[in-house]
Amino acid sequence: MTERGTDSSTSKVIPVRDAVGLVRDGTTVVIGGSGAGHALPQRFIDELAAVYAETGHPCDLTTVRVVGIGDFADRGFSQLGLPGLQRRTIGSNIGNEPQLGALVEANEIEAYSFPQGVLSELMREIAAGRPGLVTHVGLGTYVDPRQTGGRQNTCTTEDLVEVVSLRGREWLLFHAFPIDVAIIRGTTADEDGNLTMEGEAVQGEMLAMAMAARNSGGIVIAQVRQLARRGSLPQRDVKVPAALVDHVYVDPDQWQTYITRDSPYYAGALRRPATDEPPLPLDVRKVIARRSLLEFPPGAICNLGFGISQLIGRVAWEEGITDQLVLTVEQGIFGGVPVAGNEGGAGFNYQAMIDQPYMFDFYDGGGLDIASLSFAEVDAEGNVNVHAFEGRVRGPGGFPNISARTPRINFVGTLTAQGLELSIDGGIRVIREGSLRKFVPQVREISFSGRLARERGQQVRFITDRAVLELADDGLVLVEVAPGIDLERDVLDQMGFQPRVAEGLRTMDPRLYVAGPMGLAADFAVHAGRNR
């Protein structure tokens, strides 16, 4: 560790290599940021990988990040996929960190996959000196210790979560652990180390991480794009006070995300004007996103998951109804338009950007009206697997938090995968069927429990390219089929179990398959008129 100085005249600004040199062998390091470079101290990761390659130190680290950090190739935590650098890694999703994932799959490093919101909120529990996070999130899923306990391979044996009973109910207790080093990021730091985040696309849990490290007896290192004179930062803009920051290094080439250098829209400095732009191409992903959006009532507070669901924000933008929905993203974007694709987690024209732990507090407590989430596998009981499929270690991200208490959930995806080819012209025609069935007799691991959903009274729909199913007391019920689809050949024969077919089987809305707008603005206006 390093000794904290008490002389305010001593500069906290150091070179990034000196910052890496403060990390000792065997320590626990938490790194802030999200996904594809959002508020990520990438320069520290670059230097840590380089120093380890040169010297073999620091080694045997335990690394922690709340959100999977990487570009699905060789940046982010993939760079830390070096044998010996880490003894253990803890995160919510390793899917965008393939080089690190390869070490986990080879059983060369211990690995835990916990829900994103659990890790986010756990930072505050560590800061407060509590024994861990007590939550209902994860019960009945893979993270429950009666299933895998979040362990991602056979060399991972220690239990970091346990079932506890409080006031006559079962809960999960995720264990707290000390943080030796926290690496956080801001936009600007003054000479004392006060940190602002005016240029960031998300705020994450930088303050909670800093407090957790400080109260564990550890140190806090901050990356910023620029320095300011002591006392010159607006006091209300400071997100992490200087008293919690031990060292600062400057990366003048700090990008807002891996893709965007600096967007005032992502930062919330400007509102993006509504301009004419070409609509999304009419493909199967857009069809599914549209069908999911049909379930969203005006005024609803919603969450959009990764993948197809991210397109819902863009579809709502095309339909001119984003101001009549409150679309949220777990990273802290409240309202506005979430960004799709590899910059998912950002947004523009939002009502507010809040710290991630508070967003998960809201989700965990049932604050959402509806959510649209992806699925990889669904079984006859309505269980969903989104975190362990196709033979790769991945993770659920915030999926377990979002799905645990939300009263209405749409799980979206194609009915089959791998080689699927469809034609869209007023309906759906299967040109080539996918070789992989996604509706299976039993999911590999449970990310979402159909049994608990029924007990909680959640309304669950499974929206695919060619059919819509609902979760009922007796299992899945087929309620809609797309125009142009043969029920037996294209739906029932492509499922690993036979759902019940509703007596009043409906045809999916033909507007889903037209190139122009669906007219949802008019629908919302009618709905508003009825509720006056």
Protein backbone atom coordinates (compact mmCIF):
# COMPACT_ATOMS: atom_id res chain seq x y z
CA MET A 1 0.00 0.00 0.00
CA THR A 2 0.93 3.63 0.14
CA GLU A 3 0.92 6.10 2.98
CA ARG A 4 -1.64 8.85 2.72
CA GLY A 5 -0.14 12.27 2.91
CA THR A 6 -1.68 14.96 5.12
CA ASP A 7 0.10 17.93 3.52
CA SER A 8 -2.40 19.57 1.15
CA SER A 9 0.49 21.12 -0.80
CA THR A 10 1.77 17.70 -1.84
CA SER A 11 0.62 16.92 -5.35
CA LYS A 12 -1.43 13.79 -5.81
CA VAL A 13 -0.67 13.74 -9.52
CA ILE A 14 1.64 10.88 -10.52
CA PRO A 15 2.56 9.07 -13.75
CA VAL A 16 0.33 6.13 -14.61
CA ARG A 17 3.24 3.68 -14.33
CA ASP A 18 3.83 4.84 -10.77
CA ALA A 19 0.13 4.27 -10.11
CA VAL A 20 0.43 0.68 -11.35
CA GLY A 21 3.48 0.27 -9.11
CA LEU A 22 1.27 0.81 -6.07
CA VAL A 23 -0.55 -2.46 -6.73
CA ARG A 24 1.14 -5.24 -4.76
CA ASP A 25 1.07 -8.99 -5.38
CA GLY A 26 -2.02 -10.73 -4.03
CA THR A 27 -4.15 -7.63 -3.54
CA THR A 28 -7.83 -7.10 -4.41
CA VAL A 29 -8.33 -4.46 -7.10
CA VAL A 30 -11.70 -3.03 -8.15
CA ILE A 31 -11.87 -1.16 -11.46
CA GLY A 32 -14.72 1.22 -12.25
CA GLY A 33 -16.42 1.74 -15.57
CA SER A 34 -18.84 -0.09 -17.77
CA GLY A 35 -19.06 -2.10 -20.97
CA ALA A 36 -17.33 -0.67 -24.01
CA GLY A 37 -15.26 2.01 -22.36
CA HIS A 38 -17.89 3.99 -20.46
CA ALA A 39 -16.11 5.88 -17.63
CA LEU A 40 -13.37 3.26 -17.81
CA PRO A 41 -9.79 3.90 -16.59
CA GLN A 42 -8.48 2.18 -19.72
CA ARG A 43 -5.01 3.70 -19.46
CA PHE A 44 -4.47 1.90 -16.16
CA ILE A 45 -5.45 -1.42 -17.73
CA ASP A 46 -3.03 -0.77 -20.62
CA GLU A 47 -0.18 -0.07 -18.25
CA LEU A 48 -0.99 -2.90 -15.83
CA ALA A 49 -0.88 -5.43 -18.68
CA ALA A 50 2.37 -3.96 -19.98
CA VAL A 51 4.10 -3.90 -16.58
CA TYR A 52 3.08 -7.48 -15.84
CA ALA A 53 4.33 -8.64 -19.25
CA GLU A 54 7.70 -6.98 -18.53
CA THR A 55 8.20 -7.90 -14.86
CA GLY A 56 5.77 -10.64 -13.86
CA HIS A 57 4.33 -8.34 -11.17
CA PRO A 58 1.91 -7.59 -9.71
CA CYS A 59 0.63 -11.16 -9.69
CA ASP A 60 -2.04 -13.31 -8.02
CA LEU A 61 -4.52 -10.43 -8.00
CA THR A 62 -8.20 -10.64 -7.25
CA THR A 63 -9.88 -8.35 -9.77
CA VAL A 64 -13.41 -7.01 -9.47
CA ARG A 65 -15.59 -5.05 -11.88
CA VAL A 66 -19.31 -4.49 -11.68
CA VAL A 67 -20.03 -4.58 -15.42
CA GLY A 68 -18.21 -6.66 -18.02
CA ILE A 69 -15.48 -4.42 -19.44
CA GLY A 70 -14.31 -5.02 -22.98
CA ASP A 71 -14.91 -4.69 -26.71
CA PHE A 72 -15.53 -8.42 -27.31
CA ALA A 73 -11.95 -8.60 -28.65
CA ASP A 74 -8.70 -7.50 -27.06
CA ARG A 75 -9.43 -4.36 -25.03
CA GLY A 76 -10.51 -4.01 -21.42
CA PHE A 77 -10.36 -7.03 -19.16
CA SER A 78 -9.30 -9.18 -22.10
CA GLN A 79 -5.93 -7.47 -21.75
CA LEU A 80 -5.73 -8.86 -18.23
CA GLY A 81 -6.16 -12.43 -19.48
CA LEU A 82 -2.49 -13.14 -18.77
CA PRO A 83 -1.57 -16.34 -16.91
CA GLY A 84 -0.48 -15.58 -13.35
CA LEU A 85 -1.67 -11.98 -13.26
CA GLN A 86 -4.89 -12.91 -11.50
CA ARG A 87 -5.75 -15.60 -8.99
CA ARG A 88 -9.45 -14.76 -8.96
CA THR A 89 -11.86 -12.54 -10.89
CA ILE A 90 -15.35 -11.40 -9.91
CA GLY A 91 -17.80 -9.74 -12.28
CA SER A 92 -21.28 -9.84 -13.76
CA ASN A 93 -20.41 -10.69 -17.37
CA ILE A 94 -17.23 -12.06 -18.88
CA GLY A 95 -18.72 -12.39 -22.37
CA ASN A 96 -17.12 -9.21 -23.72
CA GLU A 97 -13.73 -10.23 -22.25
CA PRO A 98 -12.90 -13.29 -24.39
CA GLN A 99 -9.20 -13.61 -23.55
CA LEU A 100 -9.95 -13.61 -19.83
CA GLY A 101 -12.85 -15.95 -20.47
CA ALA A 102 -10.48 -18.40 -22.12
CA LEU A 103 -8.44 -18.63 -18.90
CA VAL A 104 -11.61 -19.30 -16.94
CA GLU A 105 -12.71 -22.00 -19.38
CA ALA A 106 -9.24 -23.58 -19.11
CA ASN A 107 -9.62 -23.68 -15.31
CA GLU A 108 -6.54 -21.49 -14.85
CA ILE A 109 -8.21 -18.82 -12.73
CA GLU A 110 -11.01 -18.76 -10.17
CA ALA A 111 -14.08 -16.91 -11.44
CA TYR A 112 -17.42 -15.81 -10.01
CA SER A 113 -20.36 -14.40 -11.93
CA PHE A 114 -22.74 -12.36 -9.77
CA PRO A 115 -25.60 -10.11 -10.88
CA GLN A 116 -24.54 -6.62 -11.87
CA GLY A 117 -26.81 -4.94 -9.34
CA VAL A 118 -25.53 -7.18 -6.56
CA LEU A 119 -21.94 -6.11 -7.21
CA SER A 120 -22.96 -2.48 -7.61
CA GLU A 121 -24.82 -2.40 -4.31
CA LEU A 122 -22.14 -4.54 -2.62
CA MET A 123 -19.66 -1.67 -3.02
CA ARG A 124 -21.78 0.36 -0.61
CA GLU A 125 -22.04 -2.53 1.84
CA ILE A 126 -18.25 -2.86 1.86
CA ALA A 127 -17.93 0.88 2.38
CA ALA A 128 -20.33 0.70 5.33
CA GLY A 129 -18.44 -2.16 6.97
CA ARG A 130 -21.44 -4.49 6.80
CA PRO A 131 -21.02 -8.26 6.35
CA GLY A 132 -22.40 -8.25 2.83
CA LEU A 133 -25.47 -7.62 0.71
CA VAL A 134 -28.75 -9.23 1.76
CA THR A 135 -31.09 -9.47 -1.23
CA HIS A 136 -33.82 -11.53 -2.85
CA VAL A 137 -32.06 -11.18 -6.22
CA GLY A 138 -30.67 -14.51 -7.38
CA LEU A 139 -32.92 -16.81 -5.37
CA GLY A 140 -33.89 -19.83 -7.44
CA THR A 141 -31.29 -19.04 -10.11
CA TYR A 142 -27.78 -20.21 -10.89
CA VAL A 143 -26.28 -17.85 -8.30
CA ASP A 144 -28.21 -19.52 -5.50
CA PRO A 145 -25.64 -21.69 -3.60
CA ARG A 146 -28.02 -24.62 -3.97
CA GLN A 147 -27.23 -24.40 -7.69
CA THR A 148 -23.77 -23.04 -8.67
CA GLY A 149 -23.31 -20.18 -6.23
CA GLY A 150 -22.02 -18.12 -9.15
CA ARG A 151 -18.91 -20.27 -9.57
CA GLN A 152 -17.85 -20.42 -13.25
CA ASN A 153 -15.48 -23.39 -13.27
CA THR A 154 -14.32 -26.35 -11.19
CA CYS A 155 -11.24 -24.70 -9.68
CA THR A 156 -13.52 -22.13 -8.01
CA THR A 157 -14.59 -23.68 -4.71
CA GLU A 158 -15.03 -21.03 -2.02
CA ASP A 159 -18.62 -20.04 -1.22
CA LEU A 160 -19.12 -16.27 -1.52
CA VAL A 161 -22.91 -16.36 -1.18
CA GLU A 162 -25.15 -18.13 1.31
CA VAL A 163 -28.86 -18.56 2.01
CA VAL A 164 -30.05 -16.82 5.17
CA SER A 165 -33.45 -16.56 6.86
CA LEU A 166 -34.71 -13.20 8.07
CA ARG A 167 -38.22 -12.51 9.37
CA GLY A 168 -39.48 -15.79 8.05
CA ARG A 169 -38.14 -15.37 4.50
CA GLU A 170 -35.20 -16.70 2.56
CA TRP A 171 -32.59 -14.24 1.30
CA LEU A 172 -29.17 -14.46 -0.26
CA LEU A 173 -26.19 -12.95 1.55
CA PHE A 174 -23.35 -12.01 -0.80
CA HIS A 175 -20.20 -11.75 1.29
CA ALA A 176 -18.31 -8.50 1.63
CA PHE A 177 -14.54 -8.48 1.12
CA PRO A 178 -11.89 -5.79 1.61
CA ILE A 179 -10.81 -3.64 -1.33
CA ASP A 180 -7.08 -2.91 -1.40
CA VAL A 181 -7.02 -0.67 -4.48
CA ALA A 182 -9.87 1.11 -6.30
CA ILE A 183 -9.23 2.49 -9.78
CA ILE A 184 -11.89 5.02 -10.68
CA ARG A 185 -12.32 7.64 -13.39
CA GLY A 186 -13.57 11.16 -13.79
CA THR A 187 -13.29 13.91 -16.35
CA THR A 188 -11.48 16.56 -14.30
CA ALA A 189 -9.51 16.62 -11.06
CA ASP A 190 -8.21 19.67 -9.28
CA GLU A 191 -4.80 19.81 -7.64
CA ASP A 192 -6.24 18.44 -4.38
CA GLY A 193 -7.85 15.46 -6.09
CA ASN A 194 -11.51 16.51 -6.16
CA LEU A 195 -13.13 14.63 -9.02
CA THR A 196 -15.86 15.71 -11.44
CA MET A 197 -17.55 13.63 -14.15
CA GLU A 198 -19.04 16.23 -16.49
CA GLY A 199 -17.83 14.48 -19.65
CA GLU A 200 -18.80 10.90 -18.79
CA ALA A 201 -21.52 8.82 -20.41
CA VAL A 202 -22.27 7.05 -17.09
CA GLN A 203 -21.38 7.68 -13.45
CA GLY A 204 -21.32 4.10 -12.21
CA GLU A 205 -20.41 3.66 -8.55
CA MET A 206 -17.17 5.67 -8.37
CA LEU A 207 -18.02 7.21 -5.01
CA ALA A 208 -19.01 3.87 -3.48
CA MET A 209 -15.83 2.21 -4.77
CA ALA A 210 -13.68 5.00 -3.34
CA MET A 211 -15.39 4.74 0.04
CA ALA A 212 -15.10 0.95 0.01
CA ALA A 213 -11.36 1.09 -0.59
CA ARG A 214 -10.80 3.90 1.90
CA ASN A 215 -12.73 2.11 4.64
CA SER A 216 -10.93 -1.16 3.88
CA GLY A 217 -7.60 0.55 4.52
CA GLY A 218 -6.83 0.60 0.82
CA ILE A 219 -5.98 3.32 -1.68
CA VAL A 220 -7.90 5.12 -4.40
CA ILE A 221 -6.36 6.00 -7.76
CA ALA A 222 -8.23 8.18 -10.26
CA GLN A 223 -7.80 8.62 -14.00
CA VAL A 224 -8.90 11.95 -15.47
CA ARG A 225 -8.68 13.68 -18.81
CA GLN A 226 -7.58 17.05 -17.45
CA LEU A 227 -6.45 18.94 -14.38
CA ALA A 228 -7.87 22.12 -12.86
CA ARG A 229 -6.49 24.62 -10.40
CA ARG A 230 -7.13 24.02 -6.70
CA GLY A 231 -10.52 25.44 -5.67
CA SER A 232 -11.69 26.11 -9.24
CA LEU A 233 -14.19 23.25 -9.62
CA PRO A 234 -17.86 23.98 -8.88
CA GLN A 235 -18.45 22.39 -5.50
CA ARG A 236 -21.79 20.82 -6.47
CA ASP A 237 -20.13 19.13 -9.46
CA VAL A 238 -17.65 17.15 -7.37
CA LYS A 239 -18.64 13.45 -7.42
CA VAL A 240 -15.71 12.09 -5.38
CA PRO A 241 -14.14 14.44 -2.81
CA ALA A 242 -10.38 14.84 -2.58
CA ALA A 243 -10.29 13.32 0.90
CA LEU A 244 -11.10 9.94 -0.67
CA VAL A 245 -8.58 10.15 -3.52
CA ASP A 246 -4.94 9.23 -2.89
CA HIS A 247 -3.47 9.58 -6.38
CA VAL A 248 -4.44 10.99 -9.76
CA TYR A 249 -2.94 10.40 -13.18
CA VAL A 250 -3.88 12.20 -16.38
CA ASP A 251 -4.79 10.61 -19.70
CA PRO A 252 -5.28 13.55 -22.11
CA ASP A 253 -6.40 11.08 -24.80
CA GLN A 254 -9.23 9.73 -22.65
CA TRP A 255 -12.23 8.85 -24.82
CA GLN A 256 -15.79 8.92 -23.58
CA THR A 257 -16.28 5.33 -24.79
CA TYR A 258 -14.24 3.01 -26.99
CA ILE A 259 -16.16 4.37 -30.00
CA THR A 260 -16.93 8.00 -29.15
CA ARG A 261 -14.31 10.56 -28.19
CA ASP A 262 -16.68 13.16 -26.79
CA SER A 263 -20.45 13.42 -27.27
CA PRO A 264 -22.21 16.30 -25.49
CA TYR A 265 -25.43 14.30 -25.88
CA TYR A 266 -24.08 11.32 -23.95
CA ALA A 267 -22.70 13.67 -21.29
CA GLY A 268 -26.03 15.45 -20.96
CA ALA A 269 -24.53 18.83 -21.86
CA LEU A 270 -26.85 19.19 -24.86
CA ARG A 271 -30.12 17.67 -25.98
CA ARG A 272 -30.03 15.97 -29.35
CA PRO A 273 -32.52 17.53 -31.77
CA ALA A 274 -35.13 15.41 -33.54
CA THR A 275 -33.80 15.24 -37.09
CA ASP A 276 -34.84 13.29 -40.12
CA GLU A 277 -32.72 10.17 -40.36
CA PRO A 278 -33.16 6.89 -42.16
CA PRO A 279 -35.12 4.32 -40.17
CA LEU A 280 -33.56 1.10 -39.04
CA PRO A 281 -33.65 -1.52 -41.80
CA LEU A 282 -36.63 -3.83 -41.57
CA ASP A 283 -35.09 -7.07 -40.37
CA VAL A 284 -35.99 -9.74 -37.85
CA ARG A 285 -34.42 -7.83 -34.95
CA LYS A 286 -36.54 -4.77 -35.67
CA VAL A 287 -39.68 -6.88 -35.98
CA ILE A 288 -39.07 -8.41 -32.56
CA ALA A 289 -38.23 -5.03 -30.99
CA ARG A 290 -41.44 -3.58 -32.43
CA ARG A 291 -43.55 -6.41 -31.04
CA SER A 292 -42.01 -5.95 -27.62
CA LEU A 293 -42.68 -2.20 -27.76
CA LEU A 294 -46.38 -2.90 -28.37
CA GLU A 295 -46.53 -4.13 -24.77
CA PHE A 296 -45.29 -0.82 -23.35
CA PRO A 297 -48.14 1.39 -22.05
CA PRO A 298 -47.84 5.19 -22.26
CA GLY A 299 -46.09 6.65 -19.24
CA ALA A 300 -44.48 3.34 -18.25
CA ILE A 301 -41.07 3.23 -16.57
CA CYS A 302 -39.16 0.62 -18.57
CA ASN A 303 -35.84 -1.15 -18.80
CA LEU A 304 -34.26 -2.21 -22.07
CA GLY A 305 -31.81 -5.10 -21.87
CA PHE A 306 -28.83 -5.89 -24.07
CA GLY A 307 -29.23 -7.09 -27.66
CA ILE A 308 -32.52 -6.81 -29.53
CA SER A 309 -34.17 -4.90 -26.69
CA GLN A 310 -31.69 -2.05 -27.14
CA LEU A 311 -33.35 -1.36 -30.49
CA ILE A 312 -36.60 -0.48 -28.76
CA GLY A 313 -35.29 2.98 -27.92
CA ARG A 314 -34.49 3.62 -31.58
CA VAL A 315 -37.87 2.26 -32.70
CA ALA A 316 -39.63 4.49 -30.15
CA TRP A 317 -37.58 7.42 -31.50
CA GLU A 318 -38.73 6.62 -35.05
CA GLU A 319 -42.33 6.43 -33.85
CA GLY A 320 -42.05 9.74 -32.00
CA ILE A 321 -43.06 8.37 -28.59
CA THR A 322 -39.86 8.53 -26.52
CA ASP A 323 -41.28 11.48 -24.58
CA GLN A 324 -44.26 9.32 -23.56
CA LEU A 325 -42.17 6.53 -22.06
CA VAL A 326 -39.53 6.56 -19.34
CA LEU A 327 -36.85 4.29 -20.77
CA THR A 328 -34.07 3.45 -18.33
CA VAL A 329 -30.72 1.70 -18.46
CA GLU A 330 -29.24 0.08 -15.37
CA GLN A 331 -26.00 2.07 -15.64
CA GLY A 332 -27.99 5.09 -14.47
CA ILE A 333 -29.72 6.63 -17.50
CA PHE A 334 -33.24 7.67 -16.48
CA GLY A 335 -35.53 8.59 -19.37
CA GLY A 336 -34.65 9.70 -22.89
CA VAL A 337 -33.28 7.35 -25.52
CA PRO A 338 -30.91 4.50 -24.60
CA VAL A 339 -28.09 3.88 -27.07
CA ALA A 340 -28.02 0.52 -28.86
CA GLY A 341 -25.14 -1.68 -30.00
CA ASN A 342 -21.63 -1.64 -28.57
CA GLU A 343 -22.24 1.63 -26.74
CA GLY A 344 -25.19 0.23 -24.80
CA GLY A 345 -25.32 1.78 -21.35
CA ALA A 346 -25.22 5.36 -22.63
CA GLY A 347 -28.22 7.46 -23.60
CA PHE A 348 -29.27 10.93 -24.70
CA ASN A 349 -32.06 13.42 -23.93
CA TYR A 350 -32.47 11.76 -20.53
CA GLN A 351 -34.21 13.16 -17.47
CA ALA A 352 -31.29 12.38 -15.21
CA MET A 353 -28.07 10.42 -14.90
CA ILE A 354 -27.91 8.78 -11.49
CA ASP A 355 -25.35 6.54 -9.80
CA GLN A 356 -25.78 2.89 -10.76
CA PRO A 357 -26.42 1.53 -7.22
CA TYR A 358 -29.46 3.77 -6.88
CA MET A 359 -30.87 2.52 -10.19
CA PHE A 360 -30.58 -1.04 -8.94
CA ASP A 361 -32.23 -0.09 -5.65
CA PHE A 362 -35.16 1.10 -7.74
CA TYR A 363 -35.23 -2.06 -9.86
CA ASP A 364 -34.83 -4.43 -6.91
CA GLY A 365 -37.75 -2.80 -5.14
CA GLY A 366 -40.10 -3.31 -8.09
CA GLY A 367 -40.03 0.24 -9.44
CA LEU A 368 -40.18 -0.73 -13.10
CA ASP A 369 -43.49 -1.19 -14.89
CA ILE A 370 -42.11 -3.36 -17.70
CA ALA A 371 -38.81 -4.70 -19.02
CA SER A 372 -37.66 -6.20 -22.31
CA LEU A 373 -34.79 -8.68 -21.94
CA SER A 374 -33.04 -11.22 -24.13
CA PHE A 375 -33.13 -15.01 -23.81
CA ALA A 376 -30.74 -17.72 -24.96
CA GLU A 377 -32.76 -20.72 -23.77
CA VAL A 378 -36.31 -21.18 -22.49
CA ASP A 379 -37.73 -24.40 -21.10
CA ALA A 380 -41.19 -25.85 -20.49
CA GLU A 381 -41.30 -24.45 -16.92
CA GLY A 382 -40.66 -20.92 -18.17
CA ASN A 383 -37.09 -20.87 -16.88
CA VAL A 384 -34.74 -18.65 -18.87
CA ASN A 385 -31.00 -19.00 -19.42
CA VAL A 386 -29.17 -15.91 -20.60
CA HIS A 387 -25.75 -16.38 -19.04
CA ALA A 388 -24.38 -19.85 -19.91
CA PHE A 389 -24.79 -21.15 -23.45
CA GLU A 390 -22.95 -22.23 -26.60
CA GLY A 391 -20.17 -23.72 -24.47
CA ARG A 392 -18.77 -20.35 -23.32
CA VAL A 393 -18.62 -18.70 -19.92
CA ARG A 394 -20.50 -15.46 -19.98
CA GLY A 395 -22.68 -13.88 -17.29
CA PRO A 396 -26.09 -12.27 -16.82
CA GLY A 397 -25.18 -8.60 -16.33
CA GLY A 398 -28.12 -6.87 -14.64
CA PHE A 399 -30.66 -9.43 -15.90
CA PRO A 400 -31.33 -11.09 -12.50
CA ASN A 401 -32.00 -7.72 -10.83
CA ILE A 402 -34.22 -6.42 -13.60
CA SER A 403 -36.29 -9.59 -13.87
CA ALA A 404 -36.72 -10.35 -10.17
CA ARG A 405 -39.52 -7.91 -9.26
CA THR A 406 -40.67 -6.28 -12.51
CA PRO A 407 -44.40 -7.07 -12.92
CA ARG A 408 -44.34 -7.36 -16.74
CA ILE A 409 -41.43 -8.89 -18.63
CA ASN A 410 -40.90 -9.52 -22.33
CA PHE A 411 -38.16 -12.02 -23.14
CA VAL A 412 -37.15 -11.49 -26.75
CA GLY A 413 -35.18 -13.48 -29.32
CA THR A 414 -35.51 -15.62 -32.42
CA LEU A 415 -37.20 -19.01 -32.12
CA THR A 416 -34.11 -20.79 -33.49
CA ALA A 417 -30.52 -19.72 -34.13
CA GLN A 418 -27.39 -20.59 -36.12
CA GLY A 419 -28.09 -20.34 -39.83
CA LEU A 420 -31.61 -18.92 -39.54
CA GLU A 421 -32.70 -17.03 -42.66
CA LEU A 422 -36.07 -15.31 -42.90
CA SER A 423 -37.96 -13.28 -45.48
CA ILE A 424 -40.10 -10.35 -44.31
CA ASP A 425 -42.91 -9.18 -46.60
CA GLY A 426 -46.17 -8.51 -44.84
CA GLY A 427 -45.32 -11.44 -42.59
CA ILE A 428 -42.58 -14.01 -42.02
CA ARG A 429 -41.39 -16.80 -44.29
CA VAL A 430 -38.67 -19.20 -43.20
CA ILE A 431 -36.07 -19.53 -45.98
CA ARG A 432 -33.66 -21.63 -43.91
CA GLU A 433 -34.36 -22.89 -40.43
CA GLY A 434 -31.82 -22.37 -37.65
CA SER A 435 -30.01 -25.49 -36.51
CA LEU A 436 -30.11 -24.52 -32.81
CA ARG A 437 -33.34 -24.81 -30.87
CA LYS A 438 -33.72 -22.14 -28.19
CA PHE A 439 -36.89 -23.56 -26.62
CA VAL A 440 -35.55 -26.66 -24.89
CA PRO A 441 -36.83 -29.30 -22.43
CA GLN A 442 -34.53 -27.98 -19.69
CA VAL A 443 -32.22 -24.96 -19.66
CA ARG A 444 -28.54 -25.50 -18.95
CA GLU A 445 -28.59 -23.06 -16.02
CA ILE A 446 -31.33 -20.81 -14.65
CA SER A 447 -31.02 -17.04 -14.97
CA PHE A 448 -34.77 -16.49 -14.38
CA SER A 449 -37.05 -18.86 -12.48
CA GLY A 450 -40.43 -19.54 -14.04
CA ARG A 451 -41.67 -21.06 -10.78
CA LEU A 452 -40.84 -17.96 -8.76
CA ALA A 453 -42.34 -15.74 -11.48
CA ARG A 454 -45.66 -17.56 -11.13
CA GLU A 455 -45.50 -17.24 -7.33
CA ARG A 456 -44.83 -13.52 -7.66
CA GLY A 457 -47.66 -13.03 -10.15
CA GLN A 458 -45.41 -11.65 -12.89
CA GLN A 459 -46.80 -11.37 -16.41
CA VAL A 460 -44.20 -12.98 -18.69
CA ARG A 461 -44.19 -13.11 -22.47
CA PHE A 462 -41.72 -14.71 -24.86
CA ILE A 463 -41.61 -12.71 -28.08
CA THR A 464 -39.95 -14.29 -31.11
CA ASP A 465 -39.71 -13.65 -34.83
CA ARG A 466 -42.74 -15.84 -35.58
CA ALA A 467 -44.68 -16.46 -32.36
CA VAL A 468 -45.56 -15.06 -28.95
CA LEU A 469 -45.94 -17.28 -25.88
CA GLU A 470 -47.10 -16.52 -22.36
CA LEU A 471 -46.21 -18.06 -19.01
CA ALA A 472 -49.28 -19.61 -17.39
CA ASP A 473 -49.85 -21.79 -14.33
CA ASP A 474 -49.52 -24.92 -16.47
CA GLY A 475 -46.45 -23.78 -18.41
CA LEU A 476 -46.06 -21.94 -21.70
CA VAL A 477 -49.05 -21.06 -23.86
CA LEU A 478 -48.77 -20.09 -27.53
CA VAL A 479 -50.95 -16.99 -28.04
CA GLU A 480 -49.81 -15.41 -31.34
CA VAL A 481 -48.36 -16.56 -34.65
CA ALA A 482 -46.93 -14.37 -37.40
CA PRO A 483 -48.67 -14.05 -40.79
CA GLY A 484 -47.18 -16.50 -43.29
CA ILE A 485 -46.10 -19.01 -40.64
CA ASP A 486 -47.19 -22.65 -40.59
CA LEU A 487 -48.01 -23.39 -36.95
CA GLU A 488 -46.90 -27.03 -36.93
CA ARG A 489 -43.85 -26.88 -39.23
CA ASP A 490 -42.44 -23.46 -38.31
CA VAL A 491 -43.26 -23.24 -34.60
CA LEU A 492 -44.24 -26.43 -32.79
CA ASP A 493 -41.80 -28.68 -34.67
CA GLN A 494 -38.95 -26.27 -33.83
CA MET A 495 -39.48 -26.45 -30.07
CA GLY A 496 -38.04 -29.00 -27.68
CA PHE A 497 -41.37 -29.29 -25.87
CA GLN A 498 -45.01 -28.80 -26.81
CA PRO A 499 -46.64 -25.66 -25.40
CA ARG A 500 -50.36 -25.41 -25.00
CA VAL A 501 -51.96 -23.60 -27.95
CA ALA A 502 -54.46 -20.95 -26.89
CA GLU A 503 -58.01 -21.46 -28.09
CA GLY A 504 -58.11 -17.88 -29.34
CA LEU A 505 -54.74 -18.01 -31.13
CA ARG A 506 -54.17 -14.58 -32.68
CA THR A 507 -52.20 -13.33 -35.67
CA MET A 508 -49.34 -10.95 -34.85
CA ASP A 509 -49.97 -7.29 -35.74
CA PRO A 510 -49.36 -6.82 -39.51
CA ARG A 511 -47.82 -3.39 -38.83
CA LEU A 512 -44.75 -5.17 -37.49
CA TYR A 513 -43.74 -6.09 -41.05
CA VAL A 514 -44.13 -2.75 -42.86
CA ALA A 515 -41.20 -0.56 -43.80
CA GLY A 516 -42.63 2.74 -42.57
CA PRO A 517 -43.70 3.82 -39.08
CA MET A 518 -46.25 1.68 -37.28
CA GLY A 519 -48.33 4.65 -36.13
CA LEU A 520 -47.71 4.19 -32.42
CA ALA A 521 -47.94 7.94 -31.78
CA ALA A 522 -51.60 7.78 -32.82
CA ASP A 523 -52.14 4.70 -30.64
CA PHE A 524 -50.66 6.49 -27.65
CA ALA A 525 -52.86 9.53 -28.32
CA VAL A 526 -55.97 7.33 -28.34
CA HIS A 527 -54.85 5.69 -25.10
CA ALA A 528 -54.32 9.11 -23.52
CA GLY A 529 -57.80 10.22 -24.62
CA ARG A 530 -59.41 7.17 -23.02
CA ASN A 531 -57.68 7.88 -19.72
CA ARG A 532 -58.70 11.51 -19.47
